[in-house]
Amino acid sequence: MAVSNTTPIIYLAKIRKLDILKNVYESIFICSPVWGDIVHLYKRSFLSKEDFFLISKARRKWIVLQDPKEKDSIQLRESLVEKGLGLGEAYSIALAKELRKIFLANDKQAIEVARELGVETRWFTEILNDALKSKYIKSVNEYIQISDACINNGLYISRKEREKAIEAAKKIV
């Protein structure tokens, strides 16, 4: 199980590979601001009707909507917002810490803050590495195809990080 920010969900949905999250982490928790971001992106036509349908279908089955509930988590969430993190990142990090689950994101500031708080994290490329380790992604070529498809749909991964991720993928296989 893991807690996801918006980015992994939307880009995997755009390339029809959202099931990677289900197959690697079984169930995914998202908080209400992340769901709100997804709805907003659909209304602004960043997500197609098919993308949104795919995410909505997953939400009925294995994506769980949950906000931080414990007093400490709520205080942490508020503290993170005061420090400038967006609502989605703040809620997600607080929820991941509360549930003691991995935090999935592709935002440098959010990843750094989560790590400082002792939350295990995964960059987008590391999610694909987990899929390669679990044999859901079968080869480095498939890894590259998925990664590049997301990049071609607007996901930001620097050339240097892309190359580093491919080298890491080669070591897994």
N, C-alpha and C. Protein backbone atom coordinates (compact mmCIF):
# COMPACT_ATOMS: atom_id res chain seq x y z
N MET A 1 0.84 -1.18 0.00
CA MET A 1 0.00 0.00 0.00
C MET A 1 0.88 1.25 0.00
N ALA A 2 0.33 2.31 -0.57
CA ALA A 2 1.07 3.56 -0.67
C ALA A 2 0.09 4.72 -0.69
N VAL A 3 0.61 5.91 -0.45
CA VAL A 3 -0.16 7.15 -0.56
C VAL A 3 0.40 7.88 -1.78
N SER A 4 -0.49 8.26 -2.69
CA SER A 4 -0.02 8.91 -3.91
C SER A 4 -0.44 10.36 -3.98
N ASN A 5 0.47 11.15 -4.51
CA ASN A 5 0.16 12.50 -4.91
C ASN A 5 -0.49 12.42 -6.29
N THR A 6 -0.84 13.52 -6.87
CA THR A 6 -1.58 13.55 -8.13
C THR A 6 -0.77 13.00 -9.31
N THR A 7 0.49 13.39 -9.42
CA THR A 7 1.29 13.12 -10.62
C THR A 7 1.35 11.65 -11.04
N PRO A 8 1.71 10.70 -10.16
CA PRO A 8 1.77 9.31 -10.64
C PRO A 8 0.43 8.81 -11.19
N ILE A 9 -0.64 9.21 -10.57
CA ILE A 9 -1.96 8.75 -11.01
C ILE A 9 -2.31 9.30 -12.39
N ILE A 10 -2.15 10.60 -12.56
CA ILE A 10 -2.61 11.18 -13.83
C ILE A 10 -1.76 10.74 -15.02
N TYR A 11 -0.44 10.65 -14.83
CA TYR A 11 0.39 10.28 -15.98
C TYR A 11 0.26 8.81 -16.33
N LEU A 12 0.11 7.96 -15.35
CA LEU A 12 -0.11 6.54 -15.66
C LEU A 12 -1.49 6.33 -16.28
N ALA A 13 -2.47 7.12 -15.87
CA ALA A 13 -3.80 7.03 -16.50
C ALA A 13 -3.74 7.49 -17.95
N LYS A 14 -2.99 8.56 -18.21
CA LYS A 14 -2.89 9.10 -19.57
C LYS A 14 -2.33 8.07 -20.56
N ILE A 15 -1.46 7.19 -20.08
CA ILE A 15 -0.88 6.20 -20.99
C ILE A 15 -1.51 4.81 -20.80
N ARG A 16 -2.61 4.77 -20.06
CA ARG A 16 -3.37 3.53 -19.82
C ARG A 16 -2.56 2.48 -19.07
N LYS A 17 -1.75 2.95 -18.12
CA LYS A 17 -0.93 2.05 -17.31
C LYS A 17 -1.17 2.28 -15.81
N LEU A 18 -2.34 2.77 -15.46
CA LEU A 18 -2.66 3.03 -14.06
C LEU A 18 -2.59 1.76 -13.22
N ASP A 19 -2.83 0.63 -13.86
CA ASP A 19 -2.78 -0.66 -13.15
C ASP A 19 -1.40 -0.98 -12.59
N ILE A 20 -0.36 -0.27 -13.02
CA ILE A 20 0.96 -0.46 -12.43
C ILE A 20 0.88 -0.21 -10.92
N LEU A 21 0.18 0.87 -10.53
CA LEU A 21 0.06 1.18 -9.11
C LEU A 21 -0.64 0.06 -8.35
N LYS A 22 -1.71 -0.46 -8.91
CA LYS A 22 -2.46 -1.54 -8.26
C LYS A 22 -1.60 -2.80 -8.15
N ASN A 23 -0.92 -3.13 -9.22
CA ASN A 23 -0.14 -4.37 -9.22
C ASN A 23 1.11 -4.31 -8.35
N VAL A 24 1.66 -3.13 -8.17
CA VAL A 24 2.87 -3.00 -7.36
C VAL A 24 2.54 -2.75 -5.88
N TYR A 25 1.53 -1.90 -5.63
CA TYR A 25 1.25 -1.49 -4.25
C TYR A 25 -0.09 -1.98 -3.71
N GLU A 26 -0.86 -2.70 -4.51
CA GLU A 26 -2.17 -3.27 -4.17
C GLU A 26 -3.27 -2.24 -4.03
N SER A 27 -3.13 -1.33 -3.08
CA SER A 27 -4.11 -0.26 -2.98
C SER A 27 -3.37 1.05 -2.77
N ILE A 28 -4.01 2.11 -3.22
CA ILE A 28 -3.42 3.44 -3.15
C ILE A 28 -4.37 4.34 -2.37
N PHE A 29 -3.82 5.07 -1.43
CA PHE A 29 -4.59 6.06 -0.69
C PHE A 29 -4.35 7.42 -1.32
N ILE A 30 -5.42 8.18 -1.50
CA ILE A 30 -5.29 9.57 -1.92
C ILE A 30 -6.13 10.41 -0.96
N CYS A 31 -5.74 11.65 -0.80
CA CYS A 31 -6.48 12.56 0.08
C CYS A 31 -7.41 13.43 -0.77
N SER A 32 -8.31 14.11 -0.10
CA SER A 32 -9.31 14.90 -0.83
C SER A 32 -8.70 15.98 -1.73
N PRO A 33 -7.62 16.68 -1.33
CA PRO A 33 -7.06 17.66 -2.27
C PRO A 33 -6.49 17.01 -3.54
N VAL A 34 -5.97 15.80 -3.44
CA VAL A 34 -5.48 15.10 -4.63
C VAL A 34 -6.66 14.76 -5.54
N TRP A 35 -7.74 14.25 -4.95
CA TRP A 35 -8.92 13.96 -5.76
C TRP A 35 -9.43 15.26 -6.39
N GLY A 36 -9.42 16.33 -5.62
CA GLY A 36 -9.84 17.64 -6.15
C GLY A 36 -8.96 18.08 -7.32
N ASP A 37 -7.65 17.84 -7.22
CA ASP A 37 -6.74 18.16 -8.33
C ASP A 37 -7.10 17.36 -9.58
N ILE A 38 -7.40 16.09 -9.39
CA ILE A 38 -7.74 15.22 -10.53
C ILE A 38 -9.02 15.73 -11.20
N VAL A 39 -10.03 16.04 -10.41
CA VAL A 39 -11.29 16.57 -10.95
C VAL A 39 -11.04 17.89 -11.68
N HIS A 40 -10.23 18.76 -11.07
CA HIS A 40 -9.90 20.05 -11.67
C HIS A 40 -9.19 19.85 -13.02
N LEU A 41 -8.25 18.93 -13.08
CA LEU A 41 -7.52 18.67 -14.33
C LEU A 41 -8.46 18.14 -15.41
N TYR A 42 -9.43 17.34 -15.01
CA TYR A 42 -10.42 16.84 -15.97
C TYR A 42 -11.28 17.99 -16.49
N LYS A 43 -11.76 18.84 -15.57
CA LYS A 43 -12.62 19.96 -15.97
C LYS A 43 -11.88 20.95 -16.87
N ARG A 44 -10.55 21.04 -16.70
CA ARG A 44 -9.75 21.95 -17.52
C ARG A 44 -9.21 21.27 -18.78
N SER A 45 -9.67 20.04 -19.03
CA SER A 45 -9.33 19.25 -20.23
C SER A 45 -7.89 18.78 -20.28
N PHE A 46 -7.19 18.80 -19.13
CA PHE A 46 -5.85 18.20 -19.11
C PHE A 46 -5.96 16.69 -19.11
N LEU A 47 -7.02 16.19 -18.49
CA LEU A 47 -7.34 14.76 -18.52
C LEU A 47 -8.52 14.55 -19.46
N SER A 48 -8.44 13.55 -20.31
CA SER A 48 -9.55 13.24 -21.20
C SER A 48 -10.67 12.54 -20.41
N LYS A 49 -11.79 12.40 -21.05
CA LYS A 49 -12.91 11.67 -20.45
C LYS A 49 -12.49 10.24 -20.11
N GLU A 50 -11.72 9.64 -21.01
CA GLU A 50 -11.24 8.26 -20.80
C GLU A 50 -10.27 8.19 -19.62
N ASP A 51 -9.35 9.17 -19.53
CA ASP A 51 -8.41 9.21 -18.40
C ASP A 51 -9.18 9.29 -17.09
N PHE A 52 -10.14 10.21 -17.03
CA PHE A 52 -10.91 10.42 -15.80
C PHE A 52 -11.75 9.19 -15.47
N PHE A 53 -12.32 8.56 -16.48
CA PHE A 53 -13.11 7.35 -16.26
C PHE A 53 -12.23 6.25 -15.67
N LEU A 54 -11.04 6.10 -16.21
CA LEU A 54 -10.11 5.08 -15.71
C LEU A 54 -9.76 5.32 -14.24
N ILE A 55 -9.48 6.56 -13.88
CA ILE A 55 -9.15 6.89 -12.50
C ILE A 55 -10.38 6.68 -11.60
N SER A 56 -11.54 7.12 -12.07
CA SER A 56 -12.77 6.96 -11.28
C SER A 56 -13.10 5.49 -11.05
N LYS A 57 -12.92 4.68 -12.06
CA LYS A 57 -13.16 3.24 -11.93
C LYS A 57 -12.21 2.64 -10.89
N ALA A 58 -10.94 3.04 -10.95
CA ALA A 58 -9.96 2.55 -9.97
C ALA A 58 -10.34 3.02 -8.57
N ARG A 59 -10.87 4.22 -8.47
CA ARG A 59 -11.26 4.76 -7.16
C ARG A 59 -12.39 3.93 -6.55
N ARG A 60 -13.21 3.36 -7.35
CA ARG A 60 -14.28 2.51 -6.83
C ARG A 60 -13.75 1.15 -6.38
N LYS A 61 -12.54 0.79 -6.83
CA LYS A 61 -12.03 -0.55 -6.54
C LYS A 61 -10.81 -0.55 -5.62
N TRP A 62 -9.76 0.21 -5.97
CA TRP A 62 -8.51 0.08 -5.21
C TRP A 62 -7.83 1.40 -4.86
N ILE A 63 -8.36 2.50 -5.28
CA ILE A 63 -7.87 3.80 -4.83
C ILE A 63 -8.81 4.26 -3.71
N VAL A 64 -8.24 4.46 -2.53
CA VAL A 64 -9.02 4.77 -1.34
C VAL A 64 -8.88 6.25 -1.01
N LEU A 65 -10.01 6.95 -0.91
CA LEU A 65 -9.99 8.35 -0.53
C LEU A 65 -9.98 8.45 1.00
N GLN A 66 -8.93 9.06 1.53
CA GLN A 66 -8.81 9.20 2.99
C GLN A 66 -7.95 10.41 3.31
N ASP A 67 -8.38 11.18 4.27
CA ASP A 67 -7.59 12.32 4.76
C ASP A 67 -6.96 11.95 6.10
N PRO A 68 -5.89 12.65 6.47
CA PRO A 68 -5.30 12.41 7.80
C PRO A 68 -6.35 12.62 8.89
N LYS A 69 -6.34 11.73 9.90
CA LYS A 69 -7.36 11.78 10.94
C LYS A 69 -6.80 12.09 12.33
N GLU A 70 -5.60 11.62 12.58
CA GLU A 70 -5.02 11.78 13.92
C GLU A 70 -4.64 13.24 14.16
N LYS A 71 -4.74 13.64 15.42
CA LYS A 71 -4.44 15.03 15.79
C LYS A 71 -3.05 15.46 15.33
N ASP A 72 -2.04 14.61 15.56
CA ASP A 72 -0.67 14.93 15.15
C ASP A 72 -0.58 15.10 13.63
N SER A 73 -1.30 14.28 12.89
CA SER A 73 -1.28 14.35 11.43
C SER A 73 -1.92 15.63 10.94
N ILE A 74 -3.01 16.02 11.57
CA ILE A 74 -3.68 17.25 11.19
C ILE A 74 -2.79 18.45 11.47
N GLN A 75 -2.10 18.42 12.61
CA GLN A 75 -1.17 19.51 12.94
C GLN A 75 -0.01 19.54 11.95
N LEU A 76 0.50 18.36 11.59
CA LEU A 76 1.59 18.29 10.61
C LEU A 76 1.12 18.85 9.28
N ARG A 77 -0.05 18.45 8.84
CA ARG A 77 -0.62 18.93 7.58
C ARG A 77 -0.67 20.46 7.57
N GLU A 78 -1.18 21.05 8.65
CA GLU A 78 -1.29 22.50 8.73
C GLU A 78 0.09 23.16 8.73
N SER A 79 1.02 22.56 9.43
CA SER A 79 2.39 23.08 9.48
C SER A 79 3.03 23.06 8.09
N LEU A 80 2.80 22.01 7.34
CA LEU A 80 3.37 21.90 5.99
C LEU A 80 2.77 22.93 5.05
N VAL A 81 1.48 23.20 5.20
CA VAL A 81 0.83 24.22 4.38
C VAL A 81 1.41 25.59 4.71
N GLU A 82 1.61 25.85 6.00
CA GLU A 82 2.19 27.13 6.43
C GLU A 82 3.60 27.31 5.89
N LYS A 83 4.32 26.21 5.68
CA LYS A 83 5.69 26.27 5.14
C LYS A 83 5.70 26.39 3.62
N GLY A 84 4.51 26.40 3.01
CA GLY A 84 4.45 26.63 1.57
C GLY A 84 4.15 25.43 0.70
N LEU A 85 3.97 24.25 1.28
CA LEU A 85 3.60 23.09 0.47
C LEU A 85 2.15 23.23 0.03
N GLY A 86 1.83 22.70 -1.12
CA GLY A 86 0.45 22.70 -1.59
C GLY A 86 -0.40 21.78 -0.73
N LEU A 87 -1.71 21.95 -0.81
CA LEU A 87 -2.61 21.13 -0.02
C LEU A 87 -2.44 19.64 -0.32
N GLY A 88 -2.33 19.29 -1.60
CA GLY A 88 -2.19 17.88 -1.97
C GLY A 88 -0.94 17.26 -1.36
N GLU A 89 0.17 17.97 -1.45
CA GLU A 89 1.42 17.46 -0.89
C GLU A 89 1.34 17.37 0.64
N ALA A 90 0.82 18.43 1.27
CA ALA A 90 0.75 18.47 2.74
C ALA A 90 -0.15 17.35 3.28
N TYR A 91 -1.33 17.22 2.70
CA TYR A 91 -2.24 16.15 3.14
C TYR A 91 -1.63 14.78 2.89
N SER A 92 -1.05 14.60 1.71
CA SER A 92 -0.49 13.29 1.34
C SER A 92 0.67 12.88 2.24
N ILE A 93 1.56 13.82 2.52
CA ILE A 93 2.70 13.51 3.40
C ILE A 93 2.20 13.18 4.80
N ALA A 94 1.27 13.98 5.31
CA ALA A 94 0.72 13.72 6.65
C ALA A 94 0.02 12.36 6.70
N LEU A 95 -0.71 12.03 5.63
CA LEU A 95 -1.40 10.73 5.58
C LEU A 95 -0.40 9.58 5.49
N ALA A 96 0.63 9.73 4.66
CA ALA A 96 1.64 8.67 4.54
C ALA A 96 2.33 8.44 5.88
N LYS A 97 2.63 9.51 6.59
CA LYS A 97 3.26 9.38 7.91
C LYS A 97 2.30 8.71 8.89
N GLU A 98 1.05 9.13 8.89
CA GLU A 98 0.04 8.55 9.78
C GLU A 98 -0.14 7.05 9.52
N LEU A 99 -0.24 6.67 8.26
CA LEU A 99 -0.49 5.27 7.90
C LEU A 99 0.79 4.43 7.83
N ARG A 100 1.94 5.12 7.92
CA ARG A 100 3.25 4.46 7.76
C ARG A 100 3.34 3.74 6.41
N LYS A 101 3.02 4.48 5.37
CA LYS A 101 3.03 3.97 4.00
C LYS A 101 3.99 4.78 3.15
N ILE A 102 4.37 4.24 2.02
CA ILE A 102 5.24 4.90 1.06
C ILE A 102 4.49 6.08 0.43
N PHE A 103 5.20 7.18 0.21
CA PHE A 103 4.64 8.36 -0.43
C PHE A 103 5.14 8.40 -1.88
N LEU A 104 4.21 8.43 -2.83
CA LEU A 104 4.53 8.46 -4.26
C LEU A 104 4.33 9.87 -4.80
N ALA A 105 5.36 10.41 -5.44
CA ALA A 105 5.26 11.78 -5.95
C ALA A 105 6.33 12.01 -7.01
N ASN A 106 6.29 13.19 -7.59
CA ASN A 106 7.35 13.61 -8.51
C ASN A 106 7.66 15.08 -8.29
N ASP A 107 7.63 15.49 -7.04
CA ASP A 107 7.85 16.87 -6.64
C ASP A 107 9.02 16.92 -5.67
N LYS A 108 10.08 17.60 -6.06
CA LYS A 108 11.32 17.61 -5.28
C LYS A 108 11.10 18.10 -3.85
N GLN A 109 10.42 19.22 -3.68
CA GLN A 109 10.19 19.77 -2.34
C GLN A 109 9.39 18.78 -1.48
N ALA A 110 8.35 18.21 -2.05
CA ALA A 110 7.52 17.27 -1.29
C ALA A 110 8.31 16.03 -0.90
N ILE A 111 9.09 15.50 -1.81
CA ILE A 111 9.92 14.32 -1.51
C ILE A 111 10.92 14.64 -0.40
N GLU A 112 11.58 15.79 -0.51
CA GLU A 112 12.57 16.16 0.52
C GLU A 112 11.92 16.32 1.89
N VAL A 113 10.78 16.99 1.95
CA VAL A 113 10.08 17.18 3.22
C VAL A 113 9.65 15.84 3.80
N ALA A 114 9.10 14.99 2.96
CA ALA A 114 8.66 13.66 3.42
C ALA A 114 9.84 12.88 3.99
N ARG A 115 10.95 12.91 3.30
CA ARG A 115 12.14 12.19 3.78
C ARG A 115 12.64 12.74 5.10
N GLU A 116 12.62 14.07 5.25
CA GLU A 116 13.02 14.69 6.52
C GLU A 116 12.13 14.23 7.67
N LEU A 117 10.89 13.90 7.35
CA LEU A 117 9.93 13.44 8.36
C LEU A 117 9.97 11.93 8.57
N GLY A 118 10.89 11.26 7.87
CA GLY A 118 11.03 9.82 8.02
C GLY A 118 10.04 9.00 7.21
N VAL A 119 9.43 9.62 6.21
CA VAL A 119 8.47 8.92 5.35
C VAL A 119 9.23 8.33 4.16
N GLU A 120 9.03 7.05 3.91
CA GLU A 120 9.63 6.41 2.74
C GLU A 120 8.97 6.99 1.49
N THR A 121 9.76 7.27 0.48
CA THR A 121 9.25 7.92 -0.72
C THR A 121 9.63 7.17 -1.98
N ARG A 122 8.90 7.49 -3.05
CA ARG A 122 9.25 7.00 -4.38
C ARG A 122 9.01 8.12 -5.38
N TRP A 123 10.06 8.43 -6.14
CA TRP A 123 9.92 9.28 -7.32
C TRP A 123 9.17 8.48 -8.36
N PHE A 124 8.69 9.14 -9.40
CA PHE A 124 7.98 8.45 -10.47
C PHE A 124 8.83 7.32 -11.05
N THR A 125 10.11 7.61 -11.32
CA THR A 125 10.98 6.58 -11.89
C THR A 125 11.18 5.40 -10.93
N GLU A 126 11.15 5.68 -9.64
CA GLU A 126 11.30 4.61 -8.65
C GLU A 126 10.04 3.74 -8.57
N ILE A 127 8.89 4.32 -8.88
CA ILE A 127 7.66 3.53 -8.98
C ILE A 127 7.83 2.51 -10.11
N LEU A 128 8.37 2.99 -11.24
CA LEU A 128 8.61 2.07 -12.36
C LEU A 128 9.67 1.03 -12.00
N ASN A 129 10.67 1.43 -11.20
CA ASN A 129 11.67 0.45 -10.73
C ASN A 129 10.99 -0.63 -9.89
N ASP A 130 10.07 -0.22 -9.01
CA ASP A 130 9.33 -1.20 -8.19
C ASP A 130 8.54 -2.15 -9.09
N ALA A 131 7.97 -1.62 -10.17
CA ALA A 131 7.21 -2.46 -11.11
C ALA A 131 8.14 -3.43 -11.83
N LEU A 132 9.35 -3.00 -12.11
CA LEU A 132 10.34 -3.87 -12.74
C LEU A 132 10.78 -4.96 -11.76
N LYS A 133 11.02 -4.59 -10.51
CA LYS A 133 11.40 -5.56 -9.48
C LYS A 133 10.32 -6.60 -9.27
N SER A 134 9.06 -6.17 -9.33
CA SER A 134 7.96 -7.12 -9.11
C SER A 134 7.59 -7.89 -10.38
N LYS A 135 8.34 -7.65 -11.45
CA LYS A 135 8.16 -8.32 -12.73
C LYS A 135 6.87 -7.91 -13.45
N TYR A 136 6.23 -6.83 -12.99
CA TYR A 136 5.06 -6.34 -13.71
C TYR A 136 5.50 -5.65 -15.00
N ILE A 137 6.59 -4.89 -14.93
CA ILE A 137 7.26 -4.41 -16.14
C ILE A 137 8.31 -5.47 -16.44
N LYS A 138 8.29 -5.98 -17.65
CA LYS A 138 9.09 -7.17 -17.98
C LYS A 138 10.51 -6.91 -18.44
N SER A 139 10.80 -5.70 -18.92
CA SER A 139 12.13 -5.45 -19.48
C SER A 139 12.49 -3.97 -19.37
N VAL A 140 13.77 -3.70 -19.60
CA VAL A 140 14.23 -2.31 -19.61
C VAL A 140 13.59 -1.57 -20.78
N ASN A 141 13.41 -2.24 -21.91
CA ASN A 141 12.77 -1.59 -23.05
C ASN A 141 11.34 -1.16 -22.70
N GLU A 142 10.59 -2.02 -22.03
CA GLU A 142 9.23 -1.66 -21.62
C GLU A 142 9.28 -0.50 -20.61
N TYR A 143 10.24 -0.54 -19.70
CA TYR A 143 10.45 0.54 -18.73
C TYR A 143 10.64 1.87 -19.46
N ILE A 144 11.53 1.86 -20.46
CA ILE A 144 11.81 3.08 -21.23
C ILE A 144 10.57 3.54 -21.99
N GLN A 145 9.83 2.61 -22.58
CA GLN A 145 8.61 2.97 -23.31
C GLN A 145 7.60 3.65 -22.40
N ILE A 146 7.40 3.10 -21.21
CA ILE A 146 6.44 3.68 -20.26
C ILE A 146 6.91 5.05 -19.80
N SER A 147 8.17 5.13 -19.42
CA SER A 147 8.74 6.40 -18.97
C SER A 147 8.63 7.47 -20.05
N ASP A 148 9.03 7.12 -21.26
CA ASP A 148 9.00 8.09 -22.37
C ASP A 148 7.58 8.48 -22.75
N ALA A 149 6.64 7.55 -22.66
CA ALA A 149 5.24 7.87 -22.95
C ALA A 149 4.73 8.92 -21.96
N CYS A 150 5.10 8.77 -20.70
CA CYS A 150 4.69 9.76 -19.69
C CYS A 150 5.35 11.11 -19.96
N ILE A 151 6.63 11.08 -20.29
CA ILE A 151 7.35 12.32 -20.62
C ILE A 151 6.69 12.99 -21.83
N ASN A 152 6.33 12.20 -22.83
CA ASN A 152 5.68 12.75 -24.02
C ASN A 152 4.30 13.33 -23.73
N ASN A 153 3.71 12.92 -22.60
CA ASN A 153 2.42 13.45 -22.18
C ASN A 153 2.56 14.61 -21.19
N GLY A 154 3.81 15.05 -20.95
CA GLY A 154 4.02 16.23 -20.13
C GLY A 154 4.70 16.01 -18.79
N LEU A 155 4.99 14.77 -18.41
CA LEU A 155 5.68 14.52 -17.14
C LEU A 155 7.11 15.05 -17.25
N TYR A 156 7.54 15.79 -16.23
CA TYR A 156 8.90 16.31 -16.26
C TYR A 156 9.86 15.35 -15.57
N ILE A 157 10.81 14.87 -16.34
CA ILE A 157 11.96 14.13 -15.83
C ILE A 157 13.15 14.66 -16.64
N SER A 158 14.15 15.19 -15.95
CA SER A 158 15.30 15.75 -16.67
C SER A 158 16.02 14.64 -17.44
N ARG A 159 16.77 15.02 -18.45
CA ARG A 159 17.54 14.04 -19.22
C ARG A 159 18.49 13.25 -18.31
N LYS A 160 19.13 13.99 -17.42
CA LYS A 160 20.08 13.37 -16.50
C LYS A 160 19.37 12.34 -15.61
N GLU A 161 18.22 12.71 -15.06
CA GLU A 161 17.47 11.78 -14.21
C GLU A 161 16.93 10.60 -15.01
N ARG A 162 16.52 10.85 -16.25
CA ARG A 162 16.03 9.77 -17.11
C ARG A 162 17.15 8.75 -17.33
N GLU A 163 18.34 9.23 -17.68
CA GLU A 163 19.47 8.33 -17.92
C GLU A 163 19.86 7.57 -16.65
N LYS A 164 19.86 8.26 -15.52
CA LYS A 164 20.17 7.63 -14.24
C LYS A 164 19.13 6.54 -13.93
N ALA A 165 17.87 6.82 -14.21
CA ALA A 165 16.80 5.85 -13.96
C ALA A 165 16.94 4.62 -14.86
N ILE A 166 17.32 4.84 -16.09
CA ILE A 166 17.52 3.71 -17.02
C ILE A 166 18.67 2.83 -16.54
N GLU A 167 19.75 3.46 -16.09
CA GLU A 167 20.89 2.69 -15.55
C GLU A 167 20.44 1.87 -14.33
N ALA A 168 19.64 2.47 -13.47
CA ALA A 168 19.14 1.75 -12.29
C ALA A 168 18.25 0.59 -12.73
N ALA A 169 17.44 0.81 -13.76
CA ALA A 169 16.56 -0.25 -14.28
C ALA A 169 17.38 -1.42 -14.82
N LYS A 170 18.48 -1.11 -15.50
CA LYS A 170 19.33 -2.16 -16.06
C LYS A 170 19.92 -3.03 -14.96
N LYS A 171 20.18 -2.45 -13.80
CA LYS A 171 20.73 -3.22 -12.68
C LYS A 171 19.69 -4.13 -12.03
N ILE A 172 18.42 -3.80 -12.21
CA ILE A 172 17.34 -4.59 -11.61
C ILE A 172 17.11 -5.88 -12.38
N VAL A 173 17.19 -5.76 -13.72
CA VAL A 173 16.82 -6.91 -14.57
C VAL A 173 17.86 -8.02 -14.52
